[in-house]
Amino acid sequence: MRLLAVDMETTSLDPRNGSIVAIGWVPVENGVIMVVSAGYQLVYDVQAQESVGDSGTPHTMQRVMR
């Protein structure tokens, strides 16, 4: 069985009001995590005015997104 674990970081805990700032993924094949195929992408939205605030500190998102 093949699965894909996906994680998104947003500017808000409310998905209706926040913007996506990063997305990450890790494939799993037959119960084995395929670390070499894992990846992430920072998302930069010119229109977004939100800040990740202090919530980005554990993930180092503030430094990367500035």
PDB file of N, CA and C in Angstrom:
ATOM      1  N   MET A   1       0.840  -1.165   0.000  1.00  0.00           N
ATOM      2  CA  MET A   1       0.000   0.000   0.000  1.00  0.00           C
ATOM      3  C   MET A   1       0.897   1.245   0.000  1.00  0.00           C
ATOM      4  N   ARG A   2       0.524   2.213  -0.790  1.00  0.00           N
ATOM      5  CA  ARG A   2       1.264   3.472  -0.873  1.00  0.00           C
ATOM      6  C   ARG A   2       0.428   4.593  -0.267  1.00  0.00           C
ATOM      7  N   LEU A   3       1.050   5.366   0.606  1.00  0.00           N
ATOM      8  CA  LEU A   3       0.393   6.494   1.254  1.00  0.00           C
ATOM      9  C   LEU A   3       1.270   7.728   1.113  1.00  0.00           C
ATOM     10  N   LEU A   4       0.675   8.883   1.309  1.00  0.00           N
ATOM     11  CA  LEU A   4       1.426  10.128   1.307  1.00  0.00           C
ATOM     12  C   LEU A   4       0.951  10.959   2.495  1.00  0.00           C
ATOM     13  N   ALA A   5       1.844  11.162   3.464  1.00  0.00           N
ATOM     14  CA  ALA A   5       1.530  12.015   4.614  1.00  0.00           C
ATOM     15  C   ALA A   5       1.830  13.452   4.218  1.00  0.00           C
ATOM     16  N   VAL A   6       0.861  14.341   4.450  1.00  0.00           N
ATOM     17  CA  VAL A   6       0.995  15.747   4.058  1.00  0.00           C
ATOM     18  C   VAL A   6       0.752  16.628   5.280  1.00  0.00           C
ATOM     19  N   ASP A   7       1.558  17.669   5.422  1.00  0.00           N
ATOM     20  CA  ASP A   7       1.407  18.631   6.515  1.00  0.00           C
ATOM     21  C   ASP A   7       1.462  20.032   5.941  1.00  0.00           C
ATOM     22  N   MET A   8       0.559  20.890   6.385  1.00  0.00           N
ATOM     23  CA  MET A   8       0.570  22.287   5.944  1.00  0.00           C
ATOM     24  C   MET A   8       0.708  23.200   7.142  1.00  0.00           C
ATOM     25  N   GLU A   9       1.527  24.218   6.999  1.00  0.00           N
ATOM     26  CA  GLU A   9       1.658  25.262   8.012  1.00  0.00           C
ATOM     27  C   GLU A   9       0.912  26.481   7.496  1.00  0.00           C
ATOM     28  N   THR A  10       0.121  27.088   8.367  1.00  0.00           N
ATOM     29  CA  THR A  10      -0.686  28.238   7.964  1.00  0.00           C
ATOM     30  C   THR A  10      -0.465  29.413   8.914  1.00  0.00           C
ATOM     31  N   THR A  11      -0.975  30.559   8.521  1.00  0.00           N
ATOM     32  CA  THR A  11      -0.856  31.760   9.343  1.00  0.00           C
ATOM     33  C   THR A  11      -1.914  31.824  10.430  1.00  0.00           C
ATOM     34  N   SER A  12      -2.814  30.846  10.468  1.00  0.00           N
ATOM     35  CA  SER A  12      -3.894  30.848  11.456  1.00  0.00           C
ATOM     36  C   SER A  12      -4.289  29.416  11.778  1.00  0.00           C
ATOM     37  N   LEU A  13      -4.791  29.218  12.988  1.00  0.00           N
ATOM     38  CA  LEU A  13      -5.332  27.903  13.322  1.00  0.00           C
ATOM     39  C   LEU A  13      -6.685  27.679  12.672  1.00  0.00           C
ATOM     40  N   ASP A  14      -7.301  28.735  12.192  1.00  0.00           N
ATOM     41  CA  ASP A  14      -8.586  28.655  11.500  1.00  0.00           C
ATOM     42  C   ASP A  14      -8.316  28.575   9.997  1.00  0.00           C
ATOM     43  N   PRO A  15      -8.507  27.413   9.373  1.00  0.00           N
ATOM     44  CA  PRO A  15      -8.172  27.254   7.953  1.00  0.00           C
ATOM     45  C   PRO A  15      -8.991  28.137   7.012  1.00  0.00           C
ATOM     46  N   ARG A  16     -10.123  28.642   7.488  1.00  0.00           N
ATOM     47  CA  ARG A  16     -10.933  29.522   6.638  1.00  0.00           C
ATOM     48  C   ARG A  16     -10.356  30.929   6.543  1.00  0.00           C
ATOM     49  N   ASN A  17      -9.512  31.298   7.507  1.00  0.00           N
ATOM     50  CA  ASN A  17      -9.001  32.665   7.548  1.00  0.00           C
ATOM     51  C   ASN A  17      -7.500  32.781   7.340  1.00  0.00           C
ATOM     52  N   GLY A  18      -6.781  31.682   7.355  1.00  0.00           N
ATOM     53  CA  GLY A  18      -5.328  31.726   7.234  1.00  0.00           C
ATOM     54  C   GLY A  18      -4.854  31.413   5.834  1.00  0.00           C
ATOM     55  N   SER A  19      -3.601  31.733   5.602  1.00  0.00           N
ATOM     56  CA  SER A  19      -2.962  31.408   4.324  1.00  0.00           C
ATOM     57  C   SER A  19      -1.945  30.296   4.551  1.00  0.00           C
ATOM     58  N   ILE A  20      -1.744  29.463   3.558  1.00  0.00           N
ATOM     59  CA  ILE A  20      -0.735  28.407   3.632  1.00  0.00           C
ATOM     60  C   ILE A  20       0.632  29.050   3.437  1.00  0.00           C
ATOM     61  N   VAL A  21       1.571  28.761   4.353  1.00  0.00           N
ATOM     62  CA  VAL A  21       2.927  29.295   4.211  1.00  0.00           C
ATOM     63  C   VAL A  21       3.943  28.206   3.884  1.00  0.00           C
ATOM     64  N   ALA A  22       3.591  26.946   4.152  1.00  0.00           N
ATOM     65  CA  ALA A  22       4.492  25.844   3.813  1.00  0.00           C
ATOM     66  C   ALA A  22       3.699  24.553   3.736  1.00  0.00           C
ATOM     67  N   ILE A  23       4.195  23.639   2.923  1.00  0.00           N
ATOM     68  CA  ILE A  23       3.598  22.314   2.798  1.00  0.00           C
ATOM     69  C   ILE A  23       4.736  21.297   2.762  1.00  0.00           C
ATOM     70  N   GLY A  24       4.536  20.198   3.456  1.00  0.00           N
ATOM     71  CA  GLY A  24       5.543  19.138   3.479  1.00  0.00           C
ATOM     72  C   GLY A  24       4.886  17.798   3.228  1.00  0.00           C
ATOM     73  N   TRP A  25       5.667  16.836   2.757  1.00  0.00           N
ATOM     74  CA  TRP A  25       5.112  15.519   2.455  1.00  0.00           C
ATOM     75  C   TRP A  25       6.157  14.436   2.681  1.00  0.00           C
ATOM     76  N   VAL A  26       5.660  13.249   3.039  1.00  0.00           N
ATOM     77  CA  VAL A  26       6.507  12.077   3.244  1.00  0.00           C
ATOM     78  C   VAL A  26       5.760  10.867   2.701  1.00  0.00           C
ATOM     79  N   PRO A  27       6.309  10.206   1.667  1.00  0.00           N
ATOM     80  CA  PRO A  27       5.672   8.991   1.162  1.00  0.00           C
ATOM     81  C   PRO A  27       5.917   7.804   2.104  1.00  0.00           C
ATOM     82  N   VAL A  28       4.943   6.904   2.144  1.00  0.00           N
ATOM     83  CA  VAL A  28       5.045   5.670   2.920  1.00  0.00           C
ATOM     84  C   VAL A  28       4.664   4.533   1.979  1.00  0.00           C
ATOM     85  N   GLU A  29       5.553   3.552   1.857  1.00  0.00           N
ATOM     86  CA  GLU A  29       5.284   2.401   0.982  1.00  0.00           C
ATOM     87  C   GLU A  29       5.363   1.119   1.790  1.00  0.00           C
ATOM     88  N   ASN A  30       4.260   0.396   1.844  1.00  0.00           N
ATOM     89  CA  ASN A  30       4.181  -0.862   2.587  1.00  0.00           C
ATOM     90  C   ASN A  30       4.647  -0.697   4.028  1.00  0.00           C
ATOM     91  N   GLY A  31       4.258   0.409   4.655  1.00  0.00           N
ATOM     92  CA  GLY A  31       4.602   0.663   6.045  1.00  0.00           C
ATOM     93  C   GLY A  31       5.991   1.229   6.276  1.00  0.00           C
ATOM     94  N   VAL A  32       6.751   1.451   5.209  1.00  0.00           N
ATOM     95  CA  VAL A  32       8.109   1.989   5.326  1.00  0.00           C
ATOM     96  C   VAL A  32       8.101   3.468   4.948  1.00  0.00           C
ATOM     97  N   ILE A  33       8.589   4.309   5.854  1.00  0.00           N
ATOM     98  CA  ILE A  33       8.676   5.747   5.583  1.00  0.00           C
ATOM     99  C   ILE A  33       9.831   5.986   4.617  1.00  0.00           C
ATOM    100  N   MET A  34       9.534   6.598   3.477  1.00  0.00           N
ATOM    101  CA  MET A  34      10.529   6.839   2.426  1.00  0.00           C
ATOM    102  C   MET A  34      11.143   8.231   2.621  1.00  0.00           C
ATOM    103  N   VAL A  35      12.048   8.340   3.592  1.00  0.00           N
ATOM    104  CA  VAL A  35      12.628   9.630   3.968  1.00  0.00           C
ATOM    105  C   VAL A  35      13.318  10.309   2.791  1.00  0.00           C
ATOM    106  N   VAL A  36      13.980   9.546   1.935  1.00  0.00           N
ATOM    107  CA  VAL A  36      14.709  10.158   0.811  1.00  0.00           C
ATOM    108  C   VAL A  36      13.770  10.813  -0.193  1.00  0.00           C
ATOM    109  N   SER A  37      12.496  10.447  -0.170  1.00  0.00           N
ATOM    110  CA  SER A  37      11.523  11.045  -1.089  1.00  0.00           C
ATOM    111  C   SER A  37      10.676  12.127  -0.425  1.00  0.00           C
ATOM    112  N   ALA A  38      10.956  12.427   0.840  1.00  0.00           N
ATOM    113  CA  ALA A  38      10.213  13.473   1.551  1.00  0.00           C
ATOM    114  C   ALA A  38      10.604  14.833   0.999  1.00  0.00           C
ATOM    115  N   GLY A  39       9.714  15.799   1.172  1.00  0.00           N
ATOM    116  CA  GLY A  39      10.033  17.135   0.686  1.00  0.00           C
ATOM    117  C   GLY A  39       9.169  18.190   1.325  1.00  0.00           C
ATOM    118  N   TYR A  40       9.492  19.428   1.013  1.00  0.00           N
ATOM    119  CA  TYR A  40       8.688  20.550   1.493  1.00  0.00           C
ATOM    120  C   TYR A  40       8.796  21.693   0.505  1.00  0.00           C
ATOM    121  N   GLN A  41       7.840  22.588   0.587  1.00  0.00           N
ATOM    122  CA  GLN A  41       7.845  23.772  -0.272  1.00  0.00           C
ATOM    123  C   GLN A  41       7.316  24.946   0.535  1.00  0.00           C
ATOM    124  N   LEU A  42       8.068  26.022   0.566  1.00  0.00           N
ATOM    125  CA  LEU A  42       7.567  27.252   1.166  1.00  0.00           C
ATOM    126  C   LEU A  42       6.639  27.904   0.164  1.00  0.00           C
ATOM    127  N   VAL A  43       5.559  28.470   0.649  1.00  0.00           N
ATOM    128  CA  VAL A  43       4.576  29.114  -0.211  1.00  0.00           C
ATOM    129  C   VAL A  43       4.602  30.601   0.094  1.00  0.00           C
ATOM    130  N   TYR A  44       4.871  31.403  -0.898  1.00  0.00           N
ATOM    131  CA  TYR A  44       4.915  32.851  -0.720  1.00  0.00           C
ATOM    132  C   TYR A  44       3.755  33.467  -1.470  1.00  0.00           C
ATOM    133  N   ASP A  45       2.866  34.105  -0.729  1.00  0.00           N
ATOM    134  CA  ASP A  45       1.692  34.737  -1.322  1.00  0.00           C
ATOM    135  C   ASP A  45       1.850  36.250  -1.212  1.00  0.00           C
ATOM    136  N   VAL A  46       2.041  36.902  -2.324  1.00  0.00           N
ATOM    137  CA  VAL A  46       2.251  38.348  -2.342  1.00  0.00           C
ATOM    138  C   VAL A  46       1.063  39.079  -1.737  1.00  0.00           C
ATOM    139  N   GLN A  47      -0.135  38.546  -1.899  1.00  0.00           N
ATOM    140  CA  GLN A  47      -1.350  39.199  -1.410  1.00  0.00           C
ATOM    141  C   GLN A  47      -1.563  39.009   0.097  1.00  0.00           C
ATOM    142  N   ALA A  48      -0.935  37.999   0.679  1.00  0.00           N
ATOM    143  CA  ALA A  48      -1.167  37.699   2.096  1.00  0.00           C
ATOM    144  C   ALA A  48      -0.557  38.772   2.984  1.00  0.00           C
ATOM    145  N   GLN A  49      -1.343  39.247   3.910  1.00  0.00           N
ATOM    146  CA  GLN A  49      -0.879  40.266   4.848  1.00  0.00           C
ATOM    147  C   GLN A  49      -0.641  39.675   6.238  1.00  0.00           C
ATOM    148  N   GLU A  50      -0.985  38.404   6.414  1.00  0.00           N
ATOM    149  CA  GLU A  50      -0.865  37.784   7.723  1.00  0.00           C
ATOM    150  C   GLU A  50       0.591  37.505   8.066  1.00  0.00           C
ATOM    151  N   SER A  51       0.836  37.412   9.347  1.00  0.00           N
ATOM    152  CA  SER A  51       2.134  37.009   9.869  1.00  0.00           C
ATOM    153  C   SER A  51       1.932  35.686  10.593  1.00  0.00           C
ATOM    154  N   VAL A  52       2.954  34.861  10.627  1.00  0.00           N
ATOM    155  CA  VAL A  52       2.853  33.622  11.394  1.00  0.00           C
ATOM    156  C   VAL A  52       3.047  33.899  12.877  1.00  0.00           C
ATOM    157  N   GLY A  53       3.469  35.109  13.210  1.00  0.00           N
ATOM    158  CA  GLY A  53       3.629  35.499  14.608  1.00  0.00           C
ATOM    159  C   GLY A  53       4.545  34.560  15.363  1.00  0.00           C
ATOM    160  N   ASP A  54       4.269  34.361  16.638  1.00  0.00           N
ATOM    161  CA  ASP A  54       5.099  33.490  17.467  1.00  0.00           C
ATOM    162  C   ASP A  54       4.903  32.018  17.150  1.00  0.00           C
ATOM    163  N   SER A  55       3.842  31.664  16.434  1.00  0.00           N
ATOM    164  CA  SER A  55       3.598  30.254  16.131  1.00  0.00           C
ATOM    165  C   SER A  55       4.669  29.681  15.219  1.00  0.00           C
ATOM    166  N   GLY A  56       5.383  30.522  14.505  1.00  0.00           N
ATOM    167  CA  GLY A  56       6.429  30.040  13.603  1.00  0.00           C
ATOM    168  C   GLY A  56       7.747  29.763  14.285  1.00  0.00           C
ATOM    169  N   THR A  57       7.907  30.176  15.518  1.00  0.00           N
ATOM    170  CA  THR A  57       9.184  30.025  16.215  1.00  0.00           C
ATOM    171  C   THR A  57       9.663  28.578  16.288  1.00  0.00           C
ATOM    172  N   PRO A  58       8.832  27.612  16.706  1.00  0.00           N
ATOM    173  CA  PRO A  58       9.326  26.232  16.783  1.00  0.00           C
ATOM    174  C   PRO A  58       9.721  25.659  15.426  1.00  0.00           C
ATOM    175  N   HIS A  59       9.188  26.189  14.351  1.00  0.00           N
ATOM    176  CA  HIS A  59       9.441  25.656  13.023  1.00  0.00           C
ATOM    177  C   HIS A  59      10.417  26.507  12.220  1.00  0.00           C
ATOM    178  N   THR A  60      10.950  27.550  12.802  1.00  0.00           N
ATOM    179  CA  THR A  60      11.852  28.503  12.139  1.00  0.00           C
ATOM    180  C   THR A  60      11.223  29.117  10.901  1.00  0.00           C
ATOM    181  N   MET A  61       9.901  29.218  10.880  1.00  0.00           N
ATOM    182  CA  MET A  61       9.209  29.774   9.722  1.00  0.00           C
ATOM    183  C   MET A  61       9.405  31.280   9.624  1.00  0.00           C
ATOM    184  N   GLN A  62       9.505  31.967  10.751  1.00  0.00           N
ATOM    185  CA  GLN A  62       9.647  33.424  10.715  1.00  0.00           C
ATOM    186  C   GLN A  62      10.900  33.823   9.950  1.00  0.00           C
ATOM    187  N   ARG A  63      12.012  33.216  10.292  1.00  0.00           N
ATOM    188  CA  ARG A  63      13.280  33.561   9.662  1.00  0.00           C
ATOM    189  C   ARG A  63      13.259  33.233   8.177  1.00  0.00           C
ATOM    190  N   VAL A  64      12.694  32.107   7.829  1.00  0.00           N
ATOM    191  CA  VAL A  64      12.684  31.664   6.438  1.00  0.00           C
ATOM    192  C   VAL A  64      11.749  32.507   5.587  1.00  0.00           C
ATOM    193  N   MET A  65      10.608  32.896   6.128  1.00  0.00           N
ATOM    194  CA  MET A  65       9.594  33.591   5.340  1.00  0.00           C
ATOM    195  C   MET A  65       9.864  35.085   5.185  1.00  0.00           C
ATOM    196  N   ARG A  66      10.763  35.650   5.950  1.00  0.00           N
ATOM    197  CA  ARG A  66      11.019  37.093   5.852  1.00  0.00           C
ATOM    198  C   ARG A  66      11.842  37.427   4.646  1.00  0.00           C
TER     199      ARG A  66
END
